[in-house]
Structures are given as C-alpha cells and as structure tokens.
Amino acid sequence: MLVPDTEYRGFMAAIPAATRPYALLARFDRPIGWWLLYWPCAWAVLLAGDIRHDWPLLVWFLIGSIAMRGAGCVYNDIVDRDLDAQVARTRTRPLPSGAVSLKAAWAWLVALCLIGLIVLLQLPPVAQVIALASIAPVAAYPFMKRITWWPQAWLGIVFSWGALVAWATVGSVGLPMLALYAGCIAWVIGYDTIYALQDIEDDALIGVRSSARALGTNVRAGVLGFYALALALWVWAFWLVRPDVVALAALLPTAVHLAWQALTLKAADGSGALLRFRTNRDVGVLMALACLVVGL
C-alpha cells in the first residue's frame, strides 16, 4: 500500500501487522499531514501567548493535530472510497482495497475523535466553542472536489482553523488572529495546489476538480501569488502584535523558502512537486521561529 510520500519505517514498521491498515487509514505513515495541521496552532501560541507559561499547549495541540488529522483522513476515505478505487495512487488505500471494513473504519474514526475530545477539554470555553464550530466545514470538505474547482480553498479554511483555536486559548480574539488565520489559508491553498499536481491526470479522467487543474499552465504564478498573499497577511499580523520594522525581518527566511518552492515548481514533475510540498514542514519551523521572536 505504498505511495510516493509514505514513510513506511520507524513507527509503521514497529507496530503489529494487523494494525497497520488502520495506521495507514489515519495516514500515520505520512506525518507531513499532522505537521501542516499543527503549525498554525503553534504559530498562534508563540505569537499571541507567553511560551514561558504556555509551552504545554504546544504538546496538547500536537496530540490533537495527530488525532484529528487522522480522523479527518478516515472520514475523507469513507466518503471517497468509490473515487479512490478509480485512481492509481489511492486504489490501494485500506478501504477501497478491502483491508479495513467500512464498519471498522467508523469505529476507528470515533476512537480518534475521543482523543481529540480529551485535548478539547484542556482548553478554555471560548476556544472549545471555536473548535467545535469547525465540525461542519470539516464534514463538508470531502464533497468540495465534486462541486468547486477550488477544494484547496476549503482545505485552507479547515486546516488553518487551529490558529483560531490556539489564539483564543492564549490571547484575545481580534484582528491579529484573523490576519494570521487568513495568511494560513493562502499558504494552504499554495502548498495543496502543489500537492494536487501529482493527481492532475487521474483527476481529469474521473472528473475531480482541483486548483491545479483550474490554474493549468499558470500554476507556478498561482502558487507564487498565494504564497505572496500569505506573507503579506502574516506581515500584517506581526505588525499588529509588534509594530517594529526590524521584527518583520524574522519573516525573511520563510519568504525565501516559499519563493524557492514556487519559482522552481514544474507542473509536469510529480516527484518535484511532492518534494516541494513536503518542505512546507520546514516552512512551519521557520515561521514558528519568527513567531517566537516577535511574540517574545
């Protein structure tokens, strides 16, 4: 059941063979997903909070990101099991291949959500309300590829939601929080457009829509534009927190990395697109350091 971006070693190699289909269903073999879900949470804590007191939240949000990203993948595969059976890269997933039954998948989804509930209970009431408000957009996401050319925008809305939850946990709800969140949405659209380049031919054959297909030959310019928008919004968020031009220099490494991704992107190079997509984990680190500097 290997795909190009799997990491079938370490944890995956150590767990019993009978449990591996469930780990694959939750994408535990592909940790990039939970890192991308986690980073907006960490950025908000570092930018709006006080790391000297709030550092345990970074652990709680990591646990929540792993569990809820897994739950989202299980739910997505339940909804998409018929489509996945038609795509070369996804037909070996546990549900379309028969390695996991539909009933067992639902039970695994509930178990992962219970872990998320434990994390939710560590948060203040306002953050809990914001977190629960994400249920509807998360549930709608798997259907977006059937009704819009921009499912990546919807993914941006749900994958960036943690920034709202984390900010409300450590700070006051306001414009800086919204600026950070909006920048995260633009970032997600950019990197998921890159990811969608791997499936562009299969998507065209079965009628699945994506931003990569919508942008066509302009995909590099499109990704560059979304990354530029993300950086502009993050600059605004930083300025609202700390109006100091020198502090904005903390974003330069992030800007350089995102520019490299977009400017060297080749639409026909699936492996190159995957490489650039996965380096967004490094973007997370660079942005976290910038938030730490400005937040302190």
C-alpha atoms as a PDB file:
ATOM      1  CA  MET A   1       0.000   0.000   0.000  1.00  0.00           C
ATOM      2  CA  LEU A   2       2.948   2.321  -0.575  1.00  0.00           C
ATOM      3  CA  VAL A   3       2.552   5.711  -2.220  1.00  0.00           C
ATOM      4  CA  PRO A   4       5.320   8.176  -3.132  1.00  0.00           C
ATOM      5  CA  ASP A   5       5.003  10.226   0.067  1.00  0.00           C
ATOM      6  CA  THR A   6       4.729   7.376   2.558  1.00  0.00           C
ATOM      7  CA  GLU A   7       7.258   6.840   5.350  1.00  0.00           C
ATOM      8  CA  TYR A   8       6.921   3.102   5.888  1.00  0.00           C
ATOM      9  CA  ARG A   9       9.526   2.778   8.604  1.00  0.00           C
ATOM     10  CA  GLY A  10      10.030   3.566  12.260  1.00  0.00           C
ATOM     11  CA  PHE A  11       6.622   3.519  13.951  1.00  0.00           C
ATOM     12  CA  MET A  12       4.914   1.888  10.974  1.00  0.00           C
ATOM     13  CA  ALA A  13       7.474  -0.888  10.808  1.00  0.00           C
ATOM     14  CA  ALA A  14       7.306  -1.495  14.556  1.00  0.00           C
ATOM     15  CA  ILE A  15       3.541  -1.889  15.040  1.00  0.00           C
ATOM     16  CA  PRO A  16       1.824  -5.295  14.624  1.00  0.00           C
ATOM     17  CA  ALA A  17       0.899  -6.151  11.053  1.00  0.00           C
ATOM     18  CA  ALA A  18      -2.800  -6.401  11.920  1.00  0.00           C
ATOM     19  CA  THR A  19      -2.898  -2.758  12.998  1.00  0.00           C
ATOM     20  CA  ARG A  20      -1.052  -1.321  10.010  1.00  0.00           C
ATOM     21  CA  PRO A  21      -4.129  -0.909   7.788  1.00  0.00           C
ATOM     22  CA  TYR A  22      -5.689   1.285  10.498  1.00  0.00           C
ATOM     23  CA  ALA A  23      -2.487   3.308  10.830  1.00  0.00           C
ATOM     24  CA  LEU A  24      -2.442   3.719   7.055  1.00  0.00           C
ATOM     25  CA  LEU A  25      -6.096   4.749   7.057  1.00  0.00           C
ATOM     26  CA  ALA A  26      -5.232   7.550   9.519  1.00  0.00           C
ATOM     27  CA  ARG A  27      -2.099   8.389   7.440  1.00  0.00           C
ATOM     28  CA  PHE A  28       0.270   7.735  10.343  1.00  0.00           C
ATOM     29  CA  ASP A  29       2.763   6.726   7.660  1.00  0.00           C
ATOM     30  CA  ARG A  30       2.656  10.291   6.305  1.00  0.00           C
ATOM     31  CA  PRO A  31       3.402  12.637   9.229  1.00  0.00           C
ATOM     32  CA  ILE A  32       3.646  15.690   6.977  1.00  0.00           C
ATOM     33  CA  GLY A  33      -0.143  15.991   7.241  1.00  0.00           C
ATOM     34  CA  TRP A  34      -0.282  16.405  11.001  1.00  0.00           C
ATOM     35  CA  TRP A  35       2.684  18.798  10.936  1.00  0.00           C
ATOM     36  CA  LEU A  36       0.847  21.009   8.469  1.00  0.00           C
ATOM     37  CA  LEU A  37      -2.243  20.919  10.686  1.00  0.00           C
ATOM     38  CA  TYR A  38      -0.158  21.600  13.787  1.00  0.00           C
ATOM     39  CA  TRP A  39       1.938  24.546  12.668  1.00  0.00           C
ATOM     40  CA  PRO A  40      -0.855  27.176  12.602  1.00  0.00           C
ATOM     41  CA  CYS A  41      -1.695  26.151  16.185  1.00  0.00           C
ATOM     42  CA  ALA A  42       1.932  26.505  17.265  1.00  0.00           C
ATOM     43  CA  TRP A  43       2.315  29.838  15.475  1.00  0.00           C
ATOM     44  CA  ALA A  44      -0.683  31.277  17.297  1.00  0.00           C
ATOM     45  CA  VAL A  45       0.598  30.114  20.694  1.00  0.00           C
ATOM     46  CA  LEU A  46       4.058  31.544  20.020  1.00  0.00           C
ATOM     47  CA  LEU A  47       2.790  34.843  18.620  1.00  0.00           C
ATOM     48  CA  ALA A  48      -0.098  35.571  20.981  1.00  0.00           C
ATOM     49  CA  GLY A  49       0.967  33.792  24.160  1.00  0.00           C
ATOM     50  CA  ASP A  50       3.912  33.574  26.521  1.00  0.00           C
ATOM     51  CA  ILE A  51       5.963  30.498  25.732  1.00  0.00           C
ATOM     52  CA  ARG A  52       7.422  30.510  29.256  1.00  0.00           C
ATOM     53  CA  HIS A  53       3.982  29.588  30.606  1.00  0.00           C
ATOM     54  CA  ASP A  54       2.119  28.276  27.569  1.00  0.00           C
ATOM     55  CA  TRP A  55       4.598  25.656  26.334  1.00  0.00           C
ATOM     56  CA  PRO A  56       2.406  22.684  27.488  1.00  0.00           C
ATOM     57  CA  LEU A  57      -0.169  23.826  24.941  1.00  0.00           C
ATOM     58  CA  LEU A  58       2.309  23.073  22.163  1.00  0.00           C
ATOM     59  CA  VAL A  59       2.258  19.420  23.286  1.00  0.00           C
ATOM     60  CA  TRP A  60      -1.520  19.276  23.612  1.00  0.00           C
ATOM     61  CA  PHE A  61      -2.035  20.803  20.185  1.00  0.00           C
ATOM     62  CA  LEU A  62       0.425  18.333  18.648  1.00  0.00           C
ATOM     63  CA  ILE A  63      -1.515  15.414  20.140  1.00  0.00           C
ATOM     64  CA  GLY A  64      -4.760  16.944  18.906  1.00  0.00           C
ATOM     65  CA  SER A  65      -3.326  17.531  15.440  1.00  0.00           C
ATOM     66  CA  ILE A  66      -2.201  13.917  15.093  1.00  0.00           C
ATOM     67  CA  ALA A  67      -5.563  12.563  16.268  1.00  0.00           C
ATOM     68  CA  MET A  68      -7.791  14.948  14.325  1.00  0.00           C
ATOM     69  CA  ARG A  69      -5.781  14.788  11.143  1.00  0.00           C
ATOM     70  CA  GLY A  70      -6.104  11.014  11.398  1.00  0.00           C
ATOM     71  CA  ALA A  71      -9.841  11.317  11.989  1.00  0.00           C
ATOM     72  CA  GLY A  72     -10.169  13.643   9.010  1.00  0.00           C
ATOM     73  CA  CYS A  73      -8.329  11.186   6.774  1.00  0.00           C
ATOM     74  CA  VAL A  74     -10.517   8.294   7.905  1.00  0.00           C
ATOM     75  CA  TYR A  75     -13.680  10.331   7.266  1.00  0.00           C
ATOM     76  CA  ASN A  76     -12.373  11.504   3.899  1.00  0.00           C
ATOM     77  CA  ASP A  77     -11.621   7.912   2.852  1.00  0.00           C
ATOM     78  CA  ILE A  78     -15.060   6.750   3.959  1.00  0.00           C
ATOM     79  CA  VAL A  79     -16.663   9.401   1.745  1.00  0.00           C
ATOM     80  CA  ASP A  80     -14.212   8.940  -1.140  1.00  0.00           C
ATOM     81  CA  ARG A  81     -13.882   5.151  -1.135  1.00  0.00           C
ATOM     82  CA  ASP A  82     -15.528   4.779  -4.565  1.00  0.00           C
ATOM     83  CA  LEU A  83     -13.472   7.594  -6.126  1.00  0.00           C
ATOM     84  CA  ASP A  84     -10.275   6.271  -4.554  1.00  0.00           C
ATOM     85  CA  ALA A  85     -10.850   2.915  -6.228  1.00  0.00           C
ATOM     86  CA  GLN A  86     -10.609   4.665  -9.619  1.00  0.00           C
ATOM     87  CA  VAL A  87      -7.285   6.483  -9.021  1.00  0.00           C
ATOM     88  CA  ALA A  88      -3.976   4.655  -9.323  1.00  0.00           C
ATOM     89  CA  ARG A  89      -2.383   6.439  -6.344  1.00  0.00           C
ATOM     90  CA  THR A  90      -5.319   5.787  -3.995  1.00  0.00           C
ATOM     91  CA  ARG A  91      -6.868   2.466  -5.013  1.00  0.00           C
ATOM     92  CA  THR A  92      -4.596   0.563  -2.602  1.00  0.00           C
ATOM     93  CA  ARG A  93      -5.842   2.529   0.418  1.00  0.00           C
ATOM     94  CA  PRO A  94      -7.295   0.338   3.187  1.00  0.00           C
ATOM     95  CA  LEU A  95     -10.971   0.952   2.372  1.00  0.00           C
ATOM     96  CA  PRO A  96     -11.037   0.520  -1.427  1.00  0.00           C
ATOM     97  CA  SER A  97      -8.608  -2.395  -1.168  1.00  0.00           C
ATOM     98  CA  GLY A  98     -10.749  -4.139   1.470  1.00  0.00           C
ATOM     99  CA  ALA A  99      -8.030  -4.201   4.150  1.00  0.00           C
ATOM    100  CA  VAL A 100     -10.397  -2.351   6.514  1.00  0.00           C
ATOM    101  CA  SER A 101     -14.170  -2.753   6.533  1.00  0.00           C
ATOM    102  CA  LEU A 102     -16.497   0.243   6.461  1.00  0.00           C
ATOM    103  CA  LYS A 103     -17.823  -0.596   9.941  1.00  0.00           C
ATOM    104  CA  ALA A 104     -14.317  -0.840  11.376  1.00  0.00           C
ATOM    105  CA  ALA A 105     -13.393   2.482   9.751  1.00  0.00           C
ATOM    106  CA  TRP A 106     -16.290   4.215  11.501  1.00  0.00           C
ATOM    107  CA  ALA A 107     -15.212   2.714  14.845  1.00  0.00           C
ATOM    108  CA  TRP A 108     -11.620   3.899  14.282  1.00  0.00           C
ATOM    109  CA  LEU A 109     -12.949   7.376  13.442  1.00  0.00           C
ATOM    110  CA  VAL A 110     -14.843   7.521  16.756  1.00  0.00           C
ATOM    111  CA  ALA A 111     -11.751   6.424  18.693  1.00  0.00           C
ATOM    112  CA  LEU A 112      -9.625   9.170  17.149  1.00  0.00           C
ATOM    113  CA  CYS A 113     -12.319  11.761  17.871  1.00  0.00           C
ATOM    114  CA  LEU A 114     -12.330  10.715  21.528  1.00  0.00           C
ATOM    115  CA  ILE A 115      -8.625  11.536  21.711  1.00  0.00           C
ATOM    116  CA  GLY A 116      -9.434  14.909  20.203  1.00  0.00           C
ATOM    117  CA  LEU A 117     -12.099  15.379  22.870  1.00  0.00           C
ATOM    118  CA  ILE A 118      -9.500  14.889  25.610  1.00  0.00           C
ATOM    119  CA  VAL A 119      -7.428  17.685  24.083  1.00  0.00           C
ATOM    120  CA  LEU A 120     -10.513  19.872  23.692  1.00  0.00           C
ATOM    121  CA  LEU A 121     -11.221  19.611  27.418  1.00  0.00           C
ATOM    122  CA  GLN A 122      -7.829  21.190  28.186  1.00  0.00           C
ATOM    123  CA  LEU A 123      -8.894  24.446  26.500  1.00  0.00           C
ATOM    124  CA  PRO A 124     -10.885  27.415  27.833  1.00  0.00           C
ATOM    125  CA  PRO A 125     -14.603  27.642  26.891  1.00  0.00           C
ATOM    126  CA  VAL A 126     -14.182  30.220  24.113  1.00  0.00           C
ATOM    127  CA  ALA A 127     -11.546  28.054  22.410  1.00  0.00           C
ATOM    128  CA  GLN A 128     -13.762  24.996  22.819  1.00  0.00           C
ATOM    129  CA  VAL A 129     -16.634  26.771  21.055  1.00  0.00           C
ATOM    130  CA  ILE A 130     -14.364  27.843  18.188  1.00  0.00           C
ATOM    131  CA  ALA A 131     -13.003  24.296  17.868  1.00  0.00           C
ATOM    132  CA  LEU A 132     -16.478  22.749  17.776  1.00  0.00           C
ATOM    133  CA  ALA A 133     -17.535  25.264  15.108  1.00  0.00           C
ATOM    134  CA  SER A 134     -15.070  23.559  12.752  1.00  0.00           C
ATOM    135  CA  ILE A 135     -17.108  20.343  12.622  1.00  0.00           C
ATOM    136  CA  ALA A 136     -19.419  21.495   9.818  1.00  0.00           C
ATOM    137  CA  PRO A 137     -16.701  22.755   7.416  1.00  0.00           C
ATOM    138  CA  VAL A 138     -14.567  19.673   8.141  1.00  0.00           C
ATOM    139  CA  ALA A 139     -17.514  17.381   7.359  1.00  0.00           C
ATOM    140  CA  ALA A 140     -18.185  19.258   4.107  1.00  0.00           C
ATOM    141  CA  TYR A 141     -14.596  19.172   2.838  1.00  0.00           C
ATOM    142  CA  PRO A 142     -14.594  15.756   1.073  1.00  0.00           C
ATOM    143  CA  PHE A 143     -17.503  16.897  -1.109  1.00  0.00           C
ATOM    144  CA  MET A 144     -15.839  20.128  -2.266  1.00  0.00           C
ATOM    145  CA  LYS A 145     -13.846  18.449  -5.037  1.00  0.00           C
ATOM    146  CA  ARG A 146     -17.179  17.479  -6.601  1.00  0.00           C
ATOM    147  CA  ILE A 147     -18.737  20.954  -6.568  1.00  0.00           C
ATOM    148  CA  THR A 148     -15.918  23.503  -6.871  1.00  0.00           C
ATOM    149  CA  TRP A 149     -12.665  23.936  -8.754  1.00  0.00           C
ATOM    150  CA  TRP A 150     -11.092  25.219  -5.535  1.00  0.00           C
ATOM    151  CA  PRO A 151     -11.359  22.475  -2.880  1.00  0.00           C
ATOM    152  CA  GLN A 152      -7.912  23.664  -1.764  1.00  0.00           C
ATOM    153  CA  ALA A 153      -9.531  26.878  -0.525  1.00  0.00           C
ATOM    154  CA  TRP A 154     -11.911  24.871   1.640  1.00  0.00           C
ATOM    155  CA  LEU A 155      -8.996  22.796   2.907  1.00  0.00           C
ATOM    156  CA  GLY A 156      -7.313  26.075   3.818  1.00  0.00           C
ATOM    157  CA  ILE A 157     -10.311  27.066   5.900  1.00  0.00           C
ATOM    158  CA  VAL A 158     -10.355  23.815   7.881  1.00  0.00           C
ATOM    159  CA  PHE A 159      -6.608  23.105   8.051  1.00  0.00           C
ATOM    160  CA  SER A 160      -5.911  26.609   9.388  1.00  0.00           C
ATOM    161  CA  TRP A 161      -8.679  26.503  11.986  1.00  0.00           C
ATOM    162  CA  GLY A 162      -6.225  25.573  14.703  1.00  0.00           C
ATOM    163  CA  ALA A 163      -4.778  29.092  14.533  1.00  0.00           C
ATOM    164  CA  LEU A 164      -8.142  30.437  15.719  1.00  0.00           C
ATOM    165  CA  VAL A 165      -8.444  27.847  18.474  1.00  0.00           C
ATOM    166  CA  ALA A 166      -4.898  28.317  19.743  1.00  0.00           C
ATOM    167  CA  TRP A 167      -5.048  32.106  19.633  1.00  0.00           C
ATOM    168  CA  ALA A 168      -8.309  32.130  21.598  1.00  0.00           C
ATOM    169  CA  THR A 169      -6.636  29.843  24.142  1.00  0.00           C
ATOM    170  CA  VAL A 170      -3.750  32.213  24.942  1.00  0.00           C
ATOM    171  CA  GLY A 171      -4.897  35.647  23.770  1.00  0.00           C
ATOM    172  CA  SER A 172      -7.860  37.838  22.947  1.00  0.00           C
ATOM    173  CA  VAL A 173      -9.906  37.362  19.793  1.00  0.00           C
ATOM    174  CA  GLY A 174      -9.210  40.192  17.363  1.00  0.00           C
ATOM    175  CA  LEU A 175      -7.709  41.385  14.088  1.00  0.00           C
ATOM    176  CA  PRO A 176      -4.200  39.905  14.579  1.00  0.00           C
ATOM    177  CA  MET A 177      -5.748  36.454  14.994  1.00  0.00           C
ATOM    178  CA  LEU A 178      -7.791  36.854  11.815  1.00  0.00           C
ATOM    179  CA  ALA A 179      -4.771  38.108   9.855  1.00  0.00           C
ATOM    180  CA  LEU A 180      -2.724  35.082  10.895  1.00  0.00           C
ATOM    181  CA  TYR A 181      -5.621  32.770  10.036  1.00  0.00           C
ATOM    182  CA  ALA A 182      -6.197  34.334   6.610  1.00  0.00           C
ATOM    183  CA  GLY A 183      -2.478  34.037   5.838  1.00  0.00           C
ATOM    184  CA  CYS A 184      -2.580  30.366   6.776  1.00  0.00           C
ATOM    185  CA  ILE A 185      -5.482  29.809   4.371  1.00  0.00           C
ATOM    186  CA  ALA A 186      -3.486  31.318   1.493  1.00  0.00           C
ATOM    187  CA  TRP A 187      -0.465  29.193   2.459  1.00  0.00           C
ATOM    188  CA  VAL A 188      -2.560  26.008   2.448  1.00  0.00           C
ATOM    189  CA  ILE A 189      -4.031  26.817  -0.970  1.00  0.00           C
ATOM    190  CA  GLY A 190      -0.497  27.264  -2.288  1.00  0.00           C
ATOM    191  CA  TYR A 191       1.009  24.065  -0.944  1.00  0.00           C
ATOM    192  CA  ASP A 192      -2.053  21.903  -1.643  1.00  0.00           C
ATOM    193  CA  THR A 193      -2.088  23.143  -5.231  1.00  0.00           C
ATOM    194  CA  ILE A 194       1.467  21.845  -5.471  1.00  0.00           C
ATOM    195  CA  TYR A 195       0.344  18.524  -3.971  1.00  0.00           C
ATOM    196  CA  ALA A 196      -2.581  18.272  -6.401  1.00  0.00           C
ATOM    197  CA  LEU A 197      -0.168  18.284  -9.354  1.00  0.00           C
ATOM    198  CA  GLN A 198       0.561  14.612  -8.631  1.00  0.00           C
ATOM    199  CA  ASP A 199      -3.034  13.620  -9.396  1.00  0.00           C
ATOM    200  CA  ILE A 200      -3.843  16.061 -12.169  1.00  0.00           C
ATOM    201  CA  GLU A 201      -4.120  13.425 -14.917  1.00  0.00           C
ATOM    202  CA  ASP A 202      -6.198  10.979 -12.865  1.00  0.00           C
ATOM    203  CA  ASP A 203      -8.375  13.839 -11.609  1.00  0.00           C
ATOM    204  CA  ALA A 204      -9.083  14.894 -15.189  1.00  0.00           C
ATOM    205  CA  LEU A 205     -10.073  11.359 -16.144  1.00  0.00           C
ATOM    206  CA  ILE A 206     -12.588  10.885 -13.330  1.00  0.00           C
ATOM    207  CA  GLY A 207     -13.830  14.470 -13.200  1.00  0.00           C
ATOM    208  CA  VAL A 208     -12.352  15.529  -9.841  1.00  0.00           C
ATOM    209  CA  ARG A 209     -11.699  19.267  -9.636  1.00  0.00           C
ATOM    210  CA  SER A 210      -8.680  20.988  -8.122  1.00  0.00           C
ATOM    211  CA  SER A 211      -6.884  24.322  -8.088  1.00  0.00           C
ATOM    212  CA  ALA A 212      -4.028  22.692 -10.022  1.00  0.00           C
ATOM    213  CA  ARG A 213      -6.430  21.891 -12.865  1.00  0.00           C
ATOM    214  CA  ALA A 214      -8.083  25.308 -12.633  1.00  0.00           C
ATOM    215  CA  LEU A 215      -4.752  27.151 -12.877  1.00  0.00           C
ATOM    216  CA  GLY A 216      -3.478  24.984 -15.737  1.00  0.00           C
ATOM    217  CA  THR A 217      -0.318  26.446 -17.264  1.00  0.00           C
ATOM    218  CA  ASN A 218      -0.427  29.301 -14.746  1.00  0.00           C
ATOM    219  CA  VAL A 219       0.084  27.035 -11.747  1.00  0.00           C
ATOM    220  CA  ARG A 220       3.518  28.439 -10.868  1.00  0.00           C
ATOM    221  CA  ALA A 221       2.257  32.011 -10.936  1.00  0.00           C
ATOM    222  CA  GLY A 222      -0.811  30.970  -8.968  1.00  0.00           C
ATOM    223  CA  VAL A 223       1.211  29.313  -6.215  1.00  0.00           C
ATOM    224  CA  LEU A 224       3.551  32.299  -6.082  1.00  0.00           C
ATOM    225  CA  GLY A 225       0.556  34.612  -5.756  1.00  0.00           C
ATOM    226  CA  PHE A 226      -0.977  32.647  -2.886  1.00  0.00           C
ATOM    227  CA  TYR A 227       2.351  32.493  -1.080  1.00  0.00           C
ATOM    228  CA  ALA A 228       2.800  36.252  -1.552  1.00  0.00           C
ATOM    229  CA  LEU A 229      -0.677  36.828  -0.113  1.00  0.00           C
ATOM    230  CA  ALA A 230       0.124  34.581   2.859  1.00  0.00           C
ATOM    231  CA  LEU A 231       3.293  36.531   3.590  1.00  0.00           C
ATOM    232  CA  ALA A 232       1.503  39.887   3.289  1.00  0.00           C
ATOM    233  CA  LEU A 233      -1.138  38.774   5.776  1.00  0.00           C
ATOM    234  CA  TRP A 234       1.475  37.395   8.172  1.00  0.00           C
ATOM    235  CA  VAL A 235       3.378  40.680   7.971  1.00  0.00           C
ATOM    236  CA  TRP A 236       0.142  42.421   8.920  1.00  0.00           C
ATOM    237  CA  ALA A 237      -0.431  40.054  11.856  1.00  0.00           C
ATOM    238  CA  PHE A 238       3.138  40.588  13.078  1.00  0.00           C
ATOM    239  CA  TRP A 239       2.795  44.352  12.761  1.00  0.00           C
ATOM    240  CA  LEU A 240      -0.420  44.349  14.755  1.00  0.00           C
ATOM    241  CA  VAL A 241       1.308  42.395  17.527  1.00  0.00           C
ATOM    242  CA  ARG A 242       4.600  44.296  17.434  1.00  0.00           C
ATOM    243  CA  PRO A 243       4.785  47.399  15.194  1.00  0.00           C
ATOM    244  CA  ASP A 244       8.512  47.253  14.602  1.00  0.00           C
ATOM    245  CA  VAL A 245      10.055  47.077  11.129  1.00  0.00           C
ATOM    246  CA  VAL A 246      13.045  45.153  12.467  1.00  0.00           C
ATOM    247  CA  ALA A 247      10.742  42.451  13.841  1.00  0.00           C
ATOM    248  CA  LEU A 248       9.361  41.848  10.352  1.00  0.00           C
ATOM    249  CA  ALA A 249      12.819  40.709   9.239  1.00  0.00           C
ATOM    250  CA  ALA A 250      12.062  37.493  11.130  1.00  0.00           C
ATOM    251  CA  LEU A 251       9.818  36.539   8.203  1.00  0.00           C
ATOM    252  CA  LEU A 252      12.595  36.766   5.596  1.00  0.00           C
ATOM    253  CA  PRO A 253      13.710  33.092   5.826  1.00  0.00           C
ATOM    254  CA  THR A 254      10.084  31.981   5.398  1.00  0.00           C
ATOM    255  CA  ALA A 255       9.668  34.295   2.415  1.00  0.00           C
ATOM    256  CA  VAL A 256      12.828  32.997   0.729  1.00  0.00           C
ATOM    257  CA  HIS A 257      11.780  29.376   1.196  1.00  0.00           C
ATOM    258  CA  LEU A 258       8.281  29.937  -0.196  1.00  0.00           C
ATOM    259  CA  ALA A 259       9.717  31.842  -3.171  1.00  0.00           C
ATOM    260  CA  TRP A 260      12.048  28.911  -3.904  1.00  0.00           C
ATOM    261  CA  GLN A 261       9.117  26.486  -3.855  1.00  0.00           C
ATOM    262  CA  ALA A 262       7.047  28.496  -6.304  1.00  0.00           C
ATOM    263  CA  LEU A 263       9.764  29.695  -8.679  1.00  0.00           C
ATOM    264  CA  THR A 264      11.318  26.232  -9.137  1.00  0.00           C
ATOM    265  CA  LEU A 265       7.994  24.414  -9.487  1.00  0.00           C
ATOM    266  CA  LYS A 266       7.425  22.412 -12.673  1.00  0.00           C
ATOM    267  CA  ALA A 267       3.851  21.319 -13.294  1.00  0.00           C
ATOM    268  CA  ALA A 268       4.888  18.154 -15.154  1.00  0.00           C
ATOM    269  CA  ASP A 269       7.294  16.989 -12.437  1.00  0.00           C
ATOM    270  CA  GLY A 270       5.224  14.996  -9.945  1.00  0.00           C
ATOM    271  CA  SER A 271       8.173  13.953  -7.779  1.00  0.00           C
ATOM    272  CA  GLY A 272       9.449  17.518  -7.701  1.00  0.00           C
ATOM    273  CA  ALA A 273       6.019  18.756  -6.685  1.00  0.00           C
ATOM    274  CA  LEU A 274       5.915  16.230  -3.848  1.00  0.00           C
ATOM    275  CA  LEU A 275       9.365  17.322  -2.665  1.00  0.00           C
ATOM    276  CA  ARG A 276       8.306  20.966  -2.574  1.00  0.00           C
ATOM    277  CA  PHE A 277       5.059  20.136  -0.847  1.00  0.00           C
ATOM    278  CA  ARG A 278       6.848  18.252   1.904  1.00  0.00           C
ATOM    279  CA  THR A 279       9.296  21.097   2.542  1.00  0.00           C
ATOM    280  CA  ASN A 280       6.377  23.056   3.980  1.00  0.00           C
ATOM    281  CA  ARG A 281       7.230  21.274   7.215  1.00  0.00           C
ATOM    282  CA  ASP A 282      10.400  23.410   7.099  1.00  0.00           C
ATOM    283  CA  VAL A 283       8.268  26.476   6.456  1.00  0.00           C
ATOM    284  CA  GLY A 284       6.479  25.606   9.683  1.00  0.00           C
ATOM    285  CA  VAL A 285       9.753  25.638  11.614  1.00  0.00           C
ATOM    286  CA  LEU A 286      10.913  28.915  10.064  1.00  0.00           C
ATOM    287  CA  MET A 287       7.575  30.594  10.711  1.00  0.00           C
ATOM    288  CA  ALA A 288       7.497  29.243  14.286  1.00  0.00           C
ATOM    289  CA  LEU A 289      10.892  30.813  14.969  1.00  0.00           C
ATOM    290  CA  ALA A 290       9.641  34.107  13.539  1.00  0.00           C
ATOM    291  CA  CYS A 291       6.541  33.975  15.746  1.00  0.00           C
ATOM    292  CA  LEU A 292       8.690  33.172  18.768  1.00  0.00           C
ATOM    293  CA  VAL A 293      10.923  36.192  18.120  1.00  0.00           C
ATOM    294  CA  VAL A 294       8.013  38.578  17.616  1.00  0.00           C
ATOM    295  CA  GLY A 295       5.907  37.066  20.411  1.00  0.00           C
ATOM    296  CA  LEU A 296       8.709  37.489  22.943  1.00  0.00           C
END
